[in-house]
Amino acid sequence: MNVAIPDSLQKFIEEQVRSGRYPNPEAFVAELVKTEAQVFERARVGEPIAIDEHFGRRLEVLLDEAEKSGDYTEVTKDEFDAMEREGLELARNRRSP
């Protein structure tokens, strides 16, 4: 089977291969299809499906980005609380029409 990948996704796939998680683009696409097939099968047989099946993948990407971003920066509780408030405000605004 041959699959045409849009040019807009080529860079993303190449980044996944360069990350070392996949030996080649075909392995990345095969893993992606396998994961989605598992979700569809679970739904077909009536198993509950988590709201976000891709949480683990997104978390892995965020952790990789954090690791590559440089040294950790310590923050105070007040600074962290301010960041949390800002994040909650952004989330509220995103949901508001």
Protein backbone atom coordinates (compact mmCIF):
# COMPACT_ATOMS: atom_id res chain seq x y z
CA MET A 1 0.00 0.00 0.00
CA ASN A 2 1.27 3.47 -0.86
CA VAL A 3 0.08 6.49 1.07
CA ALA A 4 0.53 10.07 -0.05
CA ILE A 5 1.57 12.33 2.81
CA PRO A 6 0.80 16.04 2.36
CA ASP A 7 3.86 18.27 2.17
CA SER A 8 2.62 20.09 5.26
CA LEU A 9 3.17 16.92 7.32
CA GLN A 10 6.53 15.83 5.89
CA LYS A 11 8.55 17.97 8.31
CA PHE A 12 6.63 16.62 11.28
CA ILE A 13 7.26 13.01 10.24
CA GLU A 14 10.94 13.72 9.62
CA GLU A 15 11.22 15.25 13.10
CA GLN A 16 9.73 12.11 14.62
CA VAL A 17 12.32 9.97 12.85
CA ARG A 18 15.19 12.31 13.81
CA SER A 19 14.06 12.10 17.45
CA GLY A 20 15.18 8.47 17.40
CA ARG A 21 11.75 7.13 18.35
CA TYR A 22 11.27 5.62 14.89
CA PRO A 23 13.83 4.11 12.51
CA ASN A 24 12.12 5.53 9.40
CA PRO A 25 8.96 7.32 8.23
CA GLU A 26 7.21 4.03 7.50
CA ALA A 27 7.63 2.90 11.12
CA PHE A 28 6.13 6.16 12.38
CA VAL A 29 3.09 5.88 10.09
CA ALA A 30 2.65 2.19 10.94
CA GLU A 31 2.69 2.97 14.69
CA LEU A 32 0.22 5.79 14.18
CA VAL A 33 -2.20 3.57 12.25
CA LYS A 34 -1.79 0.74 14.79
CA THR A 35 -2.64 3.07 17.66
CA GLU A 36 -5.70 4.42 15.89
CA ALA A 37 -6.83 0.89 14.97
CA GLN A 38 -6.68 -0.07 18.64
CA VAL A 39 -8.90 2.89 19.55
CA PHE A 40 -11.42 1.98 16.85
CA GLU A 41 -11.44 -1.67 17.95
CA ARG A 42 -12.04 -0.70 21.57
CA ALA A 43 -14.94 1.49 20.47
CA ARG A 44 -16.32 -1.28 18.24
CA VAL A 45 -16.55 -3.74 21.12
CA GLY A 46 -18.05 -1.14 23.43
CA GLU A 47 -15.08 -0.51 25.70
CA PRO A 48 -14.88 2.93 27.24
CA ILE A 49 -12.36 5.18 25.57
CA ALA A 50 -10.53 7.87 27.45
CA ILE A 51 -11.48 11.42 26.55
CA ASP A 52 -7.99 11.94 25.19
CA GLU A 53 -6.32 8.88 23.73
CA HIS A 54 -3.24 10.87 22.77
CA PHE A 55 -2.34 12.29 26.18
CA GLY A 56 0.72 10.04 26.49
CA ARG A 57 2.10 11.13 23.14
CA ARG A 58 1.56 14.81 23.87
CA LEU A 59 3.16 14.46 27.28
CA GLU A 60 6.19 12.76 25.72
CA VAL A 61 6.59 15.64 23.26
CA LEU A 62 6.29 18.23 26.02
CA LEU A 63 8.84 16.43 28.16
CA ASP A 64 11.23 16.24 25.21
CA GLU A 65 10.80 19.96 24.60
CA ALA A 66 11.39 20.72 28.27
CA GLU A 67 14.56 18.64 28.29
CA LYS A 68 15.92 20.43 25.22
CA SER A 69 14.98 23.91 26.45
CA GLY A 70 17.96 24.27 28.75
CA ASP A 71 18.48 24.54 32.47
CA TYR A 72 15.56 24.52 34.85
CA THR A 73 14.42 27.81 36.29
CA GLU A 74 13.29 27.81 39.88
CA VAL A 75 10.15 29.76 40.65
CA THR A 76 8.52 30.80 43.89
CA LYS A 77 5.07 29.64 44.93
CA ASP A 78 3.69 33.08 44.08
CA GLU A 79 5.21 32.94 40.59
CA PHE A 80 3.83 29.44 40.04
CA ASP A 81 0.39 30.53 41.27
CA ALA A 82 0.47 33.47 38.84
CA MET A 83 1.37 31.14 35.96
CA GLU A 84 -1.47 28.81 36.96
CA ARG A 85 -3.97 31.71 37.04
CA GLU A 86 -2.77 32.82 33.60
CA GLY A 87 -3.18 29.31 32.21
CA LEU A 88 -6.68 28.99 33.64
CA GLU A 89 -7.62 32.36 32.17
CA LEU A 90 -6.32 31.30 28.75
CA ALA A 91 -8.35 28.08 28.98
CA ARG A 92 -11.51 29.98 29.99
CA ASN A 93 -11.04 32.41 27.09
CA ARG A 94 -10.55 29.56 24.64
CA ARG A 95 -13.90 28.03 25.64
CA SER A 96 -15.76 31.35 25.49
CA PRO A 97 -17.29 32.26 22.12
